[in-house]
Every structure is written in structure tokens, then in C-alpha cells.
Amino acid sequence: MNDPKIVCYISIKEAKNTIQYGGTTVGPIMARVIHDSLKALNVKKQVSDVERTYTFMDPKVYPLDNYIGKKKKEVKSPYFTFVFKGEGDTVIDQMPRVGELLEENSVVLIQLGNS
């Protein structure tokens, strides 16, 4: 955003059988064109210092913490639900992996074993 490399203009004339709002009709096409263009130009993704503002339609996502090595009673999160498998009291594996972004209320599988 600080040094634009491309400009993209997409217009659909007389769209048929669709809700005719720009974001609904052209938005997905625009997103794909911009994504592919930036990738082809080797433009690195810029992490913004500005916190994202969510709308009521956006799913909230959170990074998954590392629970491996923790005791079962220590496995807690306000964002995720946990399903425990196996015997023992120590977390030996988890799916999805550490750091993955998950939508709020996602299920995390925790494999238990003996330490």
C-alpha cells in the first residue's frame, strides 16, 4: 500500500442472475486478480501495524498456542473447544499445529500420553 505496483479495474456490464453489488459480484474476481498479480511481481506481504477492524460478517481468527508438554488441566482457551484422545495426563501432540490461525469456536484435537 505504500508503493503501489498495479492498478486493477473490473467492470461487469448487465450482470445476470446475481446480486448486483460491487463487493458481491466483482469482489472475489478482484481479490484473485490482485493476489495473483502481486505474487507474479514478487511483492512481499506487508504486515500492518494497524489493528484489523472486524465487521459482524467477518469470522474472528486466533493463533493456536502450543499445548504440547502441558498437563490436561492446563489446556484452556477462550476461543477454542478441545477434544482429548488417549490415556495419560500430558499433551503429546495436537492438531492443528502450533501457530495456525483458527476461527473462533474451532475444535482442537489433543493427544494425551504419559510424560
PDB file of N, CA and C in Angstrom:
ATOM      1  N   MET A   1       0.812  -1.196   0.000  1.00  0.00           N
ATOM      2  CA  MET A   1       0.000   0.000   0.000  1.00  0.00           C
ATOM      3  C   MET A   1       0.855   1.259   0.000  1.00  0.00           C
ATOM      4  N   ASN A   2       2.103   1.154   0.440  1.00  0.00           N
ATOM      5  CA  ASN A   2       2.952   2.320   0.490  1.00  0.00           C
ATOM      6  C   ASN A   2       3.611   2.632  -0.851  1.00  0.00           C
ATOM      7  N   ASP A   3       3.700   1.645  -1.730  1.00  0.00           N
ATOM      8  CA  ASP A   3       4.343   1.817  -3.030  1.00  0.00           C
ATOM      9  C   ASP A   3       3.583   0.987  -4.061  1.00  0.00           C
ATOM     10  N   PRO A   4       2.442   1.480  -4.572  1.00  0.00           N
ATOM     11  CA  PRO A   4       1.600   0.676  -5.468  1.00  0.00           C
ATOM     12  C   PRO A   4       2.350   0.198  -6.708  1.00  0.00           C
ATOM     13  N   LYS A   5       2.136  -1.067  -7.068  1.00  0.00           N
ATOM     14  CA  LYS A   5       2.753  -1.673  -8.247  1.00  0.00           C
ATOM     15  C   LYS A   5       1.748  -1.893  -9.377  1.00  0.00           C
ATOM     16  N   ILE A   6       0.476  -2.026  -9.014  1.00  0.00           N
ATOM     17  CA  ILE A   6      -0.549  -2.313 -10.023  1.00  0.00           C
ATOM     18  C   ILE A   6      -1.824  -1.543  -9.704  1.00  0.00           C
ATOM     19  N   VAL A   7      -2.629  -1.385 -10.739  1.00  0.00           N
ATOM     20  CA  VAL A   7      -3.982  -0.842 -10.590  1.00  0.00           C
ATOM     21  C   VAL A   7      -4.902  -1.838 -11.276  1.00  0.00           C
ATOM     22  N   CYS A   8      -6.013  -2.130 -10.638  1.00  0.00           N
ATOM     23  CA  CYS A   8      -6.941  -3.113 -11.199  1.00  0.00           C
ATOM     24  C   CYS A   8      -8.341  -2.506 -11.259  1.00  0.00           C
ATOM     25  N   TYR A   9      -8.932  -2.551 -12.436  1.00  0.00           N
ATOM     26  CA  TYR A   9     -10.309  -2.067 -12.616  1.00  0.00           C
ATOM     27  C   TYR A   9     -11.099  -3.182 -13.275  1.00  0.00           C
ATOM     28  N   ILE A  10     -12.161  -3.610 -12.628  1.00  0.00           N
ATOM     29  CA  ILE A  10     -13.009  -4.669 -13.182  1.00  0.00           C
ATOM     30  C   ILE A  10     -14.435  -4.146 -13.214  1.00  0.00           C
ATOM     31  N   SER A  11     -15.069  -4.321 -14.357  1.00  0.00           N
ATOM     32  CA  SER A  11     -16.452  -3.881 -14.514  1.00  0.00           C
ATOM     33  C   SER A  11     -17.262  -5.015 -15.118  1.00  0.00           C
ATOM     34  N   ILE A  12     -18.445  -5.226 -14.572  1.00  0.00           N
ATOM     35  CA  ILE A  12     -19.353  -6.221 -15.142  1.00  0.00           C
ATOM     36  C   ILE A  12     -20.583  -5.472 -15.635  1.00  0.00           C
ATOM     37  N   LYS A  13     -20.810  -5.561 -16.907  1.00  0.00           N
ATOM     38  CA  LYS A  13     -21.940  -4.859 -17.519  1.00  0.00           C
ATOM     39  C   LYS A  13     -23.149  -5.787 -17.573  1.00  0.00           C
ATOM     40  N   GLU A  14     -24.240  -5.318 -17.000  1.00  0.00           N
ATOM     41  CA  GLU A  14     -25.503  -6.054 -17.016  1.00  0.00           C
ATOM     42  C   GLU A  14     -25.348  -7.485 -16.481  1.00  0.00           C
ATOM     43  N   ALA A  15     -24.906  -7.583 -15.244  1.00  0.00           N
ATOM     44  CA  ALA A  15     -24.760  -8.903 -14.618  1.00  0.00           C
ATOM     45  C   ALA A  15     -26.111  -9.599 -14.540  1.00  0.00           C
ATOM     46  N   LYS A  16     -26.113 -10.888 -14.788  1.00  0.00           N
ATOM     47  CA  LYS A  16     -27.346 -11.678 -14.792  1.00  0.00           C
ATOM     48  C   LYS A  16     -27.351 -12.665 -13.630  1.00  0.00           C
ATOM     49  N   ASN A  17     -28.526 -12.910 -13.066  1.00  0.00           N
ATOM     50  CA  ASN A  17     -28.722 -13.918 -12.020  1.00  0.00           C
ATOM     51  C   ASN A  17     -27.775 -13.754 -10.828  1.00  0.00           C
ATOM     52  N   THR A  18     -27.601 -12.539 -10.388  1.00  0.00           N
ATOM     53  CA  THR A  18     -26.717 -12.296  -9.254  1.00  0.00           C
ATOM     54  C   THR A  18     -27.166 -11.050  -8.505  1.00  0.00           C
ATOM     55  N   ILE A  19     -26.771 -10.968  -7.263  1.00  0.00           N
ATOM     56  CA  ILE A  19     -26.980  -9.740  -6.512  1.00  0.00           C
ATOM     57  C   ILE A  19     -26.022  -8.727  -7.101  1.00  0.00           C
ATOM     58  N   GLN A  20     -26.514  -7.575  -7.457  1.00  0.00           N
ATOM     59  CA  GLN A  20     -25.676  -6.632  -8.183  1.00  0.00           C
ATOM     60  C   GLN A  20     -25.091  -5.562  -7.274  1.00  0.00           C
ATOM     61  N   TYR A  21     -24.223  -6.004  -6.385  1.00  0.00           N
ATOM     62  CA  TYR A  21     -23.434  -5.106  -5.562  1.00  0.00           C
ATOM     63  C   TYR A  21     -21.983  -5.352  -5.923  1.00  0.00           C
ATOM     64  N   GLY A  22     -21.191  -4.306  -5.997  1.00  0.00           N
ATOM     65  CA  GLY A  22     -19.795  -4.451  -6.389  1.00  0.00           C
ATOM     66  C   GLY A  22     -19.029  -5.464  -5.568  1.00  0.00           C
ATOM     67  N   GLY A  23     -19.178  -5.398  -4.239  1.00  0.00           N
ATOM     68  CA  GLY A  23     -18.429  -6.301  -3.380  1.00  0.00           C
ATOM     69  C   GLY A  23     -18.815  -7.748  -3.569  1.00  0.00           C
ATOM     70  N   THR A  24     -20.065  -8.002  -3.883  1.00  0.00           N
ATOM     71  CA  THR A  24     -20.554  -9.375  -4.047  1.00  0.00           C
ATOM     72  C   THR A  24     -20.205  -9.935  -5.413  1.00  0.00           C
ATOM     73  N   THR A  25     -20.337  -9.112  -6.439  1.00  0.00           N
ATOM     74  CA  THR A  25     -20.132  -9.575  -7.805  1.00  0.00           C
ATOM     75  C   THR A  25     -18.675  -9.515  -8.230  1.00  0.00           C
ATOM     76  N   VAL A  26     -18.046  -8.373  -8.042  1.00  0.00           N
ATOM     77  CA  VAL A  26     -16.693  -8.158  -8.537  1.00  0.00           C
ATOM     78  C   VAL A  26     -15.624  -8.465  -7.480  1.00  0.00           C
ATOM     79  N   GLY A  27     -15.979  -8.374  -6.219  1.00  0.00           N
ATOM     80  CA  GLY A  27     -15.016  -8.551  -5.136  1.00  0.00           C
ATOM     81  C   GLY A  27     -14.173  -9.810  -5.229  1.00  0.00           C
ATOM     82  N   PRO A  28     -14.799 -10.994  -5.373  1.00  0.00           N
ATOM     83  CA  PRO A  28     -13.995 -12.224  -5.461  1.00  0.00           C
ATOM     84  C   PRO A  28     -13.074 -12.261  -6.684  1.00  0.00           C
ATOM     85  N   ILE A  29     -13.526 -11.702  -7.799  1.00  0.00           N
ATOM     86  CA  ILE A  29     -12.690 -11.656  -9.008  1.00  0.00           C
ATOM     87  C   ILE A  29     -11.504 -10.734  -8.766  1.00  0.00           C
ATOM     88  N   MET A  30     -11.785  -9.570  -8.188  1.00  0.00           N
ATOM     89  CA  MET A  30     -10.740  -8.590  -7.894  1.00  0.00           C
ATOM     90  C   MET A  30      -9.701  -9.177  -6.940  1.00  0.00           C
ATOM     91  N   ALA A  31     -10.150  -9.858  -5.918  1.00  0.00           N
ATOM     92  CA  ALA A  31      -9.230 -10.429  -4.939  1.00  0.00           C
ATOM     93  C   ALA A  31      -8.277 -11.421  -5.599  1.00  0.00           C
ATOM     94  N   ARG A  32      -8.794 -12.260  -6.473  1.00  0.00           N
ATOM     95  CA  ARG A  32      -7.960 -13.264  -7.139  1.00  0.00           C
ATOM     96  C   ARG A  32      -6.955 -12.612  -8.094  1.00  0.00           C
ATOM     97  N   VAL A  33      -7.405 -11.610  -8.856  1.00  0.00           N
ATOM     98  CA  VAL A  33      -6.520 -10.916  -9.803  1.00  0.00           C
ATOM     99  C   VAL A  33      -5.395 -10.211  -9.043  1.00  0.00           C
ATOM    100  N   ILE A  34      -5.735  -9.498  -7.980  1.00  0.00           N
ATOM    101  CA  ILE A  34      -4.722  -8.788  -7.193  1.00  0.00           C
ATOM    102  C   ILE A  34      -3.749  -9.788  -6.551  1.00  0.00           C
ATOM    103  N   HIS A  35      -4.276 -10.841  -5.945  1.00  0.00           N
ATOM    104  CA  HIS A  35      -3.425 -11.854  -5.300  1.00  0.00           C
ATOM    105  C   HIS A  35      -2.440 -12.442  -6.294  1.00  0.00           C
ATOM    106  N   ASP A  36      -2.922 -12.869  -7.449  1.00  0.00           N
ATOM    107  CA  ASP A  36      -2.060 -13.489  -8.451  1.00  0.00           C
ATOM    108  C   ASP A  36      -1.056 -12.486  -9.026  1.00  0.00           C
ATOM    109  N   SER A  37      -1.482 -11.237  -9.209  1.00  0.00           N
ATOM    110  CA  SER A  37      -0.590 -10.208  -9.756  1.00  0.00           C
ATOM    111  C   SER A  37       0.545  -9.900  -8.792  1.00  0.00           C
ATOM    112  N   LEU A  38       0.226  -9.733  -7.520  1.00  0.00           N
ATOM    113  CA  LEU A  38       1.254  -9.437  -6.531  1.00  0.00           C
ATOM    114  C   LEU A  38       2.240 -10.596  -6.392  1.00  0.00           C
ATOM    115  N   LYS A  39       1.723 -11.813  -6.476  1.00  0.00           N
ATOM    116  CA  LYS A  39       2.590 -12.993  -6.410  1.00  0.00           C
ATOM    117  C   LYS A  39       3.535 -13.018  -7.608  1.00  0.00           C
ATOM    118  N   ALA A  40       3.023 -12.726  -8.803  1.00  0.00           N
ATOM    119  CA  ALA A  40       3.845 -12.720 -10.014  1.00  0.00           C
ATOM    120  C   ALA A  40       4.915 -11.630  -9.964  1.00  0.00           C
ATOM    121  N   LEU A  41       4.623 -10.529  -9.291  1.00  0.00           N
ATOM    122  CA  LEU A  41       5.580  -9.425  -9.168  1.00  0.00           C
ATOM    123  C   LEU A  41       6.527  -9.594  -7.977  1.00  0.00           C
ATOM    124  N   ASN A  42       6.387 -10.700  -7.250  1.00  0.00           N
ATOM    125  CA  ASN A  42       7.203 -10.971  -6.063  1.00  0.00           C
ATOM    126  C   ASN A  42       7.087  -9.884  -4.999  1.00  0.00           C
ATOM    127  N   VAL A  43       5.891  -9.350  -4.855  1.00  0.00           N
ATOM    128  CA  VAL A  43       5.646  -8.340  -3.823  1.00  0.00           C
ATOM    129  C   VAL A  43       5.402  -9.068  -2.513  1.00  0.00           C
ATOM    130  N   LYS A  44       6.202  -8.756  -1.520  1.00  0.00           N
ATOM    131  CA  LYS A  44       6.086  -9.394  -0.214  1.00  0.00           C
ATOM    132  C   LYS A  44       4.864  -8.874   0.530  1.00  0.00           C
ATOM    133  N   LYS A  45       4.242  -9.771   1.279  1.00  0.00           N
ATOM    134  CA  LYS A  45       3.092  -9.387   2.094  1.00  0.00           C
ATOM    135  C   LYS A  45       3.559  -8.437   3.189  1.00  0.00           C
ATOM    136  N   GLN A  46       2.871  -7.327   3.327  1.00  0.00           N
ATOM    137  CA  GLN A  46       3.235  -6.335   4.328  1.00  0.00           C
ATOM    138  C   GLN A  46       2.331  -6.489   5.534  1.00  0.00           C
ATOM    139  N   VAL A  47       2.936  -6.719   6.683  1.00  0.00           N
ATOM    140  CA  VAL A  47       2.171  -6.830   7.914  1.00  0.00           C
ATOM    141  C   VAL A  47       1.967  -5.425   8.446  1.00  0.00           C
ATOM    142  N   SER A  48       0.729  -5.077   8.611  1.00  0.00           N
ATOM    143  CA  SER A  48       0.391  -3.720   9.027  1.00  0.00           C
ATOM    144  C   SER A  48       0.473  -3.577  10.542  1.00  0.00           C
ATOM    145  N   ASP A  49       0.823  -2.395  10.984  1.00  0.00           N
ATOM    146  CA  ASP A  49       0.807  -2.085  12.411  1.00  0.00           C
ATOM    147  C   ASP A  49      -0.588  -1.657  12.858  1.00  0.00           C
ATOM    148  N   VAL A  50      -1.492  -1.526  11.903  1.00  0.00           N
ATOM    149  CA  VAL A  50      -2.851  -1.119  12.206  1.00  0.00           C
ATOM    150  C   VAL A  50      -3.672  -2.357  12.537  1.00  0.00           C
ATOM    151  N   GLU A  51      -4.323  -2.351  13.684  1.00  0.00           N
ATOM    152  CA  GLU A  51      -5.136  -3.489  14.081  1.00  0.00           C
ATOM    153  C   GLU A  51      -6.354  -3.586  13.175  1.00  0.00           C
ATOM    154  N   ARG A  52      -6.666  -4.790  12.764  1.00  0.00           N
ATOM    155  CA  ARG A  52      -7.800  -5.004  11.859  1.00  0.00           C
ATOM    156  C   ARG A  52      -9.105  -4.701  12.572  1.00  0.00           C
ATOM    157  N   THR A  53     -10.000  -4.056  11.845  1.00  0.00           N
ATOM    158  CA  THR A  53     -11.342  -3.806  12.350  1.00  0.00           C
ATOM    159  C   THR A  53     -12.262  -4.860  11.746  1.00  0.00           C
ATOM    160  N   TYR A  54     -12.929  -5.603  12.600  1.00  0.00           N
ATOM    161  CA  TYR A  54     -13.825  -6.662  12.141  1.00  0.00           C
ATOM    162  C   TYR A  54     -15.238  -6.125  11.978  1.00  0.00           C
ATOM    163  N   THR A  55     -15.937  -6.673  10.994  1.00  0.00           N
ATOM    164  CA  THR A  55     -17.362  -6.399  10.860  1.00  0.00           C
ATOM    165  C   THR A  55     -18.103  -7.604  11.420  1.00  0.00           C
ATOM    166  N   PHE A  56     -19.394  -7.487  11.541  1.00  0.00           N
ATOM    167  CA  PHE A  56     -20.177  -8.597  12.087  1.00  0.00           C
ATOM    168  C   PHE A  56     -20.145  -9.826  11.187  1.00  0.00           C
ATOM    169  N   MET A  57     -19.756  -9.678   9.927  1.00  0.00           N
ATOM    170  CA  MET A  57     -19.724 -10.805   8.989  1.00  0.00           C
ATOM    171  C   MET A  57     -18.379 -11.526   8.982  1.00  0.00           C
ATOM    172  N   ASP A  58     -17.339 -10.897   9.497  1.00  0.00           N
ATOM    173  CA  ASP A  58     -16.004 -11.492   9.473  1.00  0.00           C
ATOM    174  C   ASP A  58     -15.841 -12.523  10.568  1.00  0.00           C
ATOM    175  N   PRO A  59     -15.323 -13.712  10.225  1.00  0.00           N
ATOM    176  CA  PRO A  59     -15.001 -14.665  11.294  1.00  0.00           C
ATOM    177  C   PRO A  59     -13.739 -14.175  11.999  1.00  0.00           C
ATOM    178  N   LYS A  60     -13.730 -14.254  13.309  1.00  0.00           N
ATOM    179  CA  LYS A  60     -12.539 -13.864  14.055  1.00  0.00           C
ATOM    180  C   LYS A  60     -11.609 -15.066  14.117  1.00  0.00           C
ATOM    181  N   VAL A  61     -10.329 -14.834  13.877  1.00  0.00           N
ATOM    182  CA  VAL A  61      -9.345 -15.905  13.903  1.00  0.00           C
ATOM    183  C   VAL A  61      -8.283 -15.602  14.955  1.00  0.00           C
ATOM    184  N   TYR A  62      -7.758 -16.677  15.535  1.00  0.00           N
ATOM    185  CA  TYR A  62      -6.765 -16.561  16.593  1.00  0.00           C
ATOM    186  C   TYR A  62      -5.681 -17.604  16.373  1.00  0.00           C
ATOM    187  N   PRO A  63      -4.421 -17.276  16.719  1.00  0.00           N
ATOM    188  CA  PRO A  63      -3.354 -18.271  16.593  1.00  0.00           C
ATOM    189  C   PRO A  63      -3.482 -19.333  17.679  1.00  0.00           C
ATOM    190  N   LEU A  64      -3.157 -20.567  17.325  1.00  0.00           N
ATOM    191  CA  LEU A  64      -3.238 -21.673  18.265  1.00  0.00           C
ATOM    192  C   LEU A  64      -1.954 -21.754  19.084  1.00  0.00           C
ATOM    193  N   ASP A  65      -2.093 -21.783  20.388  1.00  0.00           N
ATOM    194  CA  ASP A  65      -0.947 -21.893  21.291  1.00  0.00           C
ATOM    195  C   ASP A  65      -0.358 -23.299  21.256  1.00  0.00           C
ATOM    196  N   ASN A  66       0.832 -23.426  21.843  1.00  0.00           N
ATOM    197  CA  ASN A  66       1.497 -24.723  21.968  1.00  0.00           C
ATOM    198  C   ASN A  66       1.070 -25.360  23.285  1.00  0.00           C
ATOM    199  N   TYR A  67       0.364 -26.472  23.200  1.00  0.00           N
ATOM    200  CA  TYR A  67      -0.080 -27.195  24.394  1.00  0.00           C
ATOM    201  C   TYR A  67       0.756 -28.437  24.661  1.00  0.00           C
ATOM    202  N   ILE A  68       1.659 -28.780  23.750  1.00  0.00           N
ATOM    203  CA  ILE A  68       2.474 -29.981  23.894  1.00  0.00           C
ATOM    204  C   ILE A  68       3.364 -29.843  25.130  1.00  0.00           C
ATOM    205  N   GLY A  69       3.328 -30.886  25.972  1.00  0.00           N
ATOM    206  CA  GLY A  69       4.103 -30.891  27.201  1.00  0.00           C
ATOM    207  C   GLY A  69       3.324 -30.402  28.410  1.00  0.00           C
ATOM    208  N   LYS A  70       2.168 -29.808  28.186  1.00  0.00           N
ATOM    209  CA  LYS A  70       1.351 -29.315  29.297  1.00  0.00           C
ATOM    210  C   LYS A  70       0.463 -30.422  29.846  1.00  0.00           C
ATOM    211  N   LYS A  71       0.015 -30.241  31.045  1.00  0.00           N
ATOM    212  CA  LYS A  71      -0.939 -31.159  31.664  1.00  0.00           C
ATOM    213  C   LYS A  71      -2.334 -30.869  31.112  1.00  0.00           C
ATOM    214  N   LYS A  72      -3.188 -31.887  31.116  1.00  0.00           N
ATOM    215  CA  LYS A  72      -4.542 -31.759  30.584  1.00  0.00           C
ATOM    216  C   LYS A  72      -5.284 -30.585  31.219  1.00  0.00           C
ATOM    217  N   LYS A  73      -5.129 -30.394  32.522  1.00  0.00           N
ATOM    218  CA  LYS A  73      -5.858 -29.318  33.206  1.00  0.00           C
ATOM    219  C   LYS A  73      -5.360 -27.931  32.808  1.00  0.00           C
ATOM    220  N   GLU A  74      -4.190 -27.846  32.172  1.00  0.00           N
ATOM    221  CA  GLU A  74      -3.640 -26.557  31.732  1.00  0.00           C
ATOM    222  C   GLU A  74      -4.106 -26.168  30.330  1.00  0.00           C
ATOM    223  N   VAL A  75      -4.763 -27.079  29.639  1.00  0.00           N
ATOM    224  CA  VAL A  75      -5.199 -26.834  28.265  1.00  0.00           C
ATOM    225  C   VAL A  75      -6.512 -26.052  28.309  1.00  0.00           C
ATOM    226  N   LYS A  76      -6.397 -24.741  28.076  1.00  0.00           N
ATOM    227  CA  LYS A  76      -7.567 -23.861  28.131  1.00  0.00           C
ATOM    228  C   LYS A  76      -7.421 -22.764  27.092  1.00  0.00           C
ATOM    229  N   SER A  77      -8.544 -22.299  26.579  1.00  0.00           N
ATOM    230  CA  SER A  77      -8.559 -21.160  25.665  1.00  0.00           C
ATOM    231  C   SER A  77      -9.978 -20.598  25.638  1.00  0.00           C
ATOM    232  N   PRO A  78     -10.100 -19.282  25.615  1.00  0.00           N
ATOM    233  CA  PRO A  78     -11.435 -18.688  25.489  1.00  0.00           C
ATOM    234  C   PRO A  78     -11.979 -18.783  24.065  1.00  0.00           C
ATOM    235  N   TYR A  79     -11.118 -19.205  23.107  1.00  0.00           N
ATOM    236  CA  TYR A  79     -11.510 -19.183  21.696  1.00  0.00           C
ATOM    237  C   TYR A  79     -11.814 -20.545  21.095  1.00  0.00           C
ATOM    238  N   PHE A  80     -11.271 -21.624  21.672  1.00  0.00           N
ATOM    239  CA  PHE A  80     -11.374 -22.940  21.054  1.00  0.00           C
ATOM    240  C   PHE A  80     -11.998 -23.966  21.982  1.00  0.00           C
ATOM    241  N   THR A  81     -12.500 -25.055  21.371  1.00  0.00           N
ATOM    242  CA  THR A  81     -13.004 -26.211  22.098  1.00  0.00           C
ATOM    243  C   THR A  81     -11.987 -27.329  21.930  1.00  0.00           C
ATOM    244  N   PHE A  82     -11.745 -28.089  22.982  1.00  0.00           N
ATOM    245  CA  PHE A  82     -10.748 -29.149  22.936  1.00  0.00           C
ATOM    246  C   PHE A  82     -11.396 -30.519  23.040  1.00  0.00           C
ATOM    247  N   VAL A  83     -10.879 -31.461  22.243  1.00  0.00           N
ATOM    248  CA  VAL A  83     -11.286 -32.859  22.305  1.00  0.00           C
ATOM    249  C   VAL A  83     -10.034 -33.643  22.673  1.00  0.00           C
ATOM    250  N   PHE A  84     -10.118 -34.405  23.762  1.00  0.00           N
ATOM    251  CA  PHE A  84      -8.976 -35.158  24.263  1.00  0.00           C
ATOM    252  C   PHE A  84      -9.075 -36.614  23.846  1.00  0.00           C
ATOM    253  N   LYS A  85      -7.956 -37.165  23.368  1.00  0.00           N
ATOM    254  CA  LYS A  85      -7.862 -38.573  22.972  1.00  0.00           C
ATOM    255  C   LYS A  85      -6.652 -39.188  23.654  1.00  0.00           C
ATOM    256  N   GLY A  86      -6.744 -40.465  23.969  1.00  0.00           N
ATOM    257  CA  GLY A  86      -5.609 -41.172  24.531  1.00  0.00           C
ATOM    258  C   GLY A  86      -5.641 -41.253  26.043  1.00  0.00           C
ATOM    259  N   GLU A  87      -4.658 -41.965  26.580  1.00  0.00           N
ATOM    260  CA  GLU A  87      -4.510 -42.160  28.016  1.00  0.00           C
ATOM    261  C   GLU A  87      -3.387 -41.274  28.525  1.00  0.00           C
ATOM    262  N   GLY A  88      -3.431 -40.964  29.797  1.00  0.00           N
ATOM    263  CA  GLY A  88      -2.381 -40.152  30.383  1.00  0.00           C
ATOM    264  C   GLY A  88      -2.880 -38.754  30.687  1.00  0.00           C
ATOM    265  N   ASP A  89      -1.969 -37.944  31.205  1.00  0.00           N
ATOM    266  CA  ASP A  89      -2.339 -36.603  31.644  1.00  0.00           C
ATOM    267  C   ASP A  89      -1.502 -35.520  30.968  1.00  0.00           C
ATOM    268  N   THR A  90      -0.607 -35.907  30.062  1.00  0.00           N
ATOM    269  CA  THR A  90       0.281 -34.948  29.419  1.00  0.00           C
ATOM    270  C   THR A  90      -0.006 -34.887  27.921  1.00  0.00           C
ATOM    271  N   VAL A  91      -0.025 -33.684  27.373  1.00  0.00           N
ATOM    272  CA  VAL A  91      -0.257 -33.494  25.937  1.00  0.00           C
ATOM    273  C   VAL A  91       1.004 -33.899  25.183  1.00  0.00           C
ATOM    274  N   ILE A  92       0.858 -34.860  24.251  1.00  0.00           N
ATOM    275  CA  ILE A  92       1.993 -35.314  23.452  1.00  0.00           C
ATOM    276  C   ILE A  92       1.883 -34.875  21.989  1.00  0.00           C
ATOM    277  N   ASP A  93       0.687 -34.420  21.586  1.00  0.00           N
ATOM    278  CA  ASP A  93       0.507 -33.923  20.218  1.00  0.00           C
ATOM    279  C   ASP A  93      -0.773 -33.120  20.154  1.00  0.00           C
ATOM    280  N   GLN A  94      -0.883 -32.300  19.119  1.00  0.00           N
ATOM    281  CA  GLN A  94      -2.097 -31.509  18.913  1.00  0.00           C
ATOM    282  C   GLN A  94      -2.307 -31.285  17.427  1.00  0.00           C
ATOM    283  N   MET A  95      -3.554 -31.186  17.049  1.00  0.00           N
ATOM    284  CA  MET A  95      -3.937 -30.878  15.668  1.00  0.00           C
ATOM    285  C   MET A  95      -5.067 -29.878  15.726  1.00  0.00           C
ATOM    286  N   PRO A  96      -5.021 -28.800  15.021  1.00  0.00           N
ATOM    287  CA  PRO A  96      -3.980 -28.305  14.140  1.00  0.00           C
ATOM    288  C   PRO A  96      -2.692 -27.981  14.902  1.00  0.00           C
ATOM    289  N   ARG A  97      -1.670 -27.593  14.156  1.00  0.00           N
ATOM    290  CA  ARG A  97      -0.352 -27.330  14.697  1.00  0.00           C
ATOM    291  C   ARG A  97      -0.258 -25.945  15.345  1.00  0.00           C
ATOM    292  N   VAL A  98       0.770 -25.763  16.124  1.00  0.00           N
ATOM    293  CA  VAL A  98       1.048 -24.513  16.832  1.00  0.00           C
ATOM    294  C   VAL A  98       1.131 -23.349  15.844  1.00  0.00           C
ATOM    295  N   GLY A  99       0.468 -22.248  16.182  1.00  0.00           N
ATOM    296  CA  GLY A  99       0.554 -21.031  15.382  1.00  0.00           C
ATOM    297  C   GLY A  99      -0.452 -20.921  14.259  1.00  0.00           C
ATOM    298  N   GLU A 100      -1.131 -22.018  13.923  1.00  0.00           N
ATOM    299  CA  GLU A 100      -2.130 -21.929  12.849  1.00  0.00           C
ATOM    300  C   GLU A 100      -3.255 -21.012  13.289  1.00  0.00           C
ATOM    301  N   LEU A 101      -3.801 -20.267  12.338  1.00  0.00           N
ATOM    302  CA  LEU A 101      -4.919 -19.372  12.634  1.00  0.00           C
ATOM    303  C   LEU A 101      -6.217 -20.147  12.505  1.00  0.00           C
ATOM    304  N   LEU A 102      -6.989 -20.140  13.578  1.00  0.00           N
ATOM    305  CA  LEU A 102      -8.260 -20.858  13.606  1.00  0.00           C
ATOM    306  C   LEU A 102      -9.388 -19.894  13.893  1.00  0.00           C
ATOM    307  N   GLU A 103     -10.540 -20.197  13.305  1.00  0.00           N
ATOM    308  CA  GLU A 103     -11.721 -19.399  13.601  1.00  0.00           C
ATOM    309  C   GLU A 103     -12.172 -19.653  15.033  1.00  0.00           C
ATOM    310  N   GLU A 104     -12.771 -18.644  15.604  1.00  0.00           N
ATOM    311  CA  GLU A 104     -13.312 -18.765  16.952  1.00  0.00           C
ATOM    312  C   GLU A 104     -14.263 -19.956  17.017  1.00  0.00           C
ATOM    313  N   ASN A 105     -14.213 -20.709  18.106  1.00  0.00           N
ATOM    314  CA  ASN A 105     -15.022 -21.899  18.356  1.00  0.00           C
ATOM    315  C   ASN A 105     -14.579 -23.130  17.556  1.00  0.00           C
ATOM    316  N   SER A 106     -13.381 -23.088  16.969  1.00  0.00           N
ATOM    317  CA  SER A 106     -12.855 -24.259  16.268  1.00  0.00           C
ATOM    318  C   SER A 106     -12.524 -25.364  17.286  1.00  0.00           C
ATOM    319  N   VAL A 107     -12.489 -26.601  16.789  1.00  0.00           N
ATOM    320  CA  VAL A 107     -12.160 -27.752  17.632  1.00  0.00           C
ATOM    321  C   VAL A 107     -10.689 -28.086  17.463  1.00  0.00           C
ATOM    322  N   VAL A 108      -9.997 -28.280  18.578  1.00  0.00           N
ATOM    323  CA  VAL A 108      -8.586 -28.660  18.595  1.00  0.00           C
ATOM    324  C   VAL A 108      -8.492 -30.055  19.186  1.00  0.00           C
ATOM    325  N   LEU A 109      -7.839 -30.972  18.463  1.00  0.00           N
ATOM    326  CA  LEU A 109      -7.667 -32.342  18.933  1.00  0.00           C
ATOM    327  C   LEU A 109      -6.372 -32.423  19.739  1.00  0.00           C
ATOM    328  N   ILE A 110      -6.477 -32.905  20.974  1.00  0.00           N
ATOM    329  CA  ILE A 110      -5.342 -33.030  21.869  1.00  0.00           C
ATOM    330  C   ILE A 110      -5.093 -34.518  22.145  1.00  0.00           C
ATOM    331  N   GLN A 111      -3.861 -34.979  21.825  1.00  0.00           N
ATOM    332  CA  GLN A 111      -3.472 -36.356  22.085  1.00  0.00           C
ATOM    333  C   GLN A 111      -2.747 -36.412  23.418  1.00  0.00           C
ATOM    334  N   LEU A 112      -3.266 -37.253  24.315  1.00  0.00           N
ATOM    335  CA  LEU A 112      -2.670 -37.392  25.649  1.00  0.00           C
ATOM    336  C   LEU A 112      -1.815 -38.643  25.743  1.00  0.00           C
ATOM    337  N   GLY A 113      -0.814 -38.588  26.607  1.00  0.00           N
ATOM    338  CA  GLY A 113       0.059 -39.723  26.864  1.00  0.00           C
ATOM    339  C   GLY A 113       0.731 -39.527  28.214  1.00  0.00           C
ATOM    340  N   ASN A 114       1.685 -40.360  28.502  1.00  0.00           N
ATOM    341  CA  ASN A 114       2.449 -40.240  29.752  1.00  0.00           C
ATOM    342  C   ASN A 114       3.765 -39.535  29.475  1.00  0.00           C
ATOM    343  N   SER A 115       4.138 -38.657  30.370  1.00  0.00           N
ATOM    344  CA  SER A 115       5.387 -37.901  30.165  1.00  0.00           C
ATOM    345  C   SER A 115       6.608 -38.676  30.570  1.00  0.00           C
TER     346      SER A 115
END
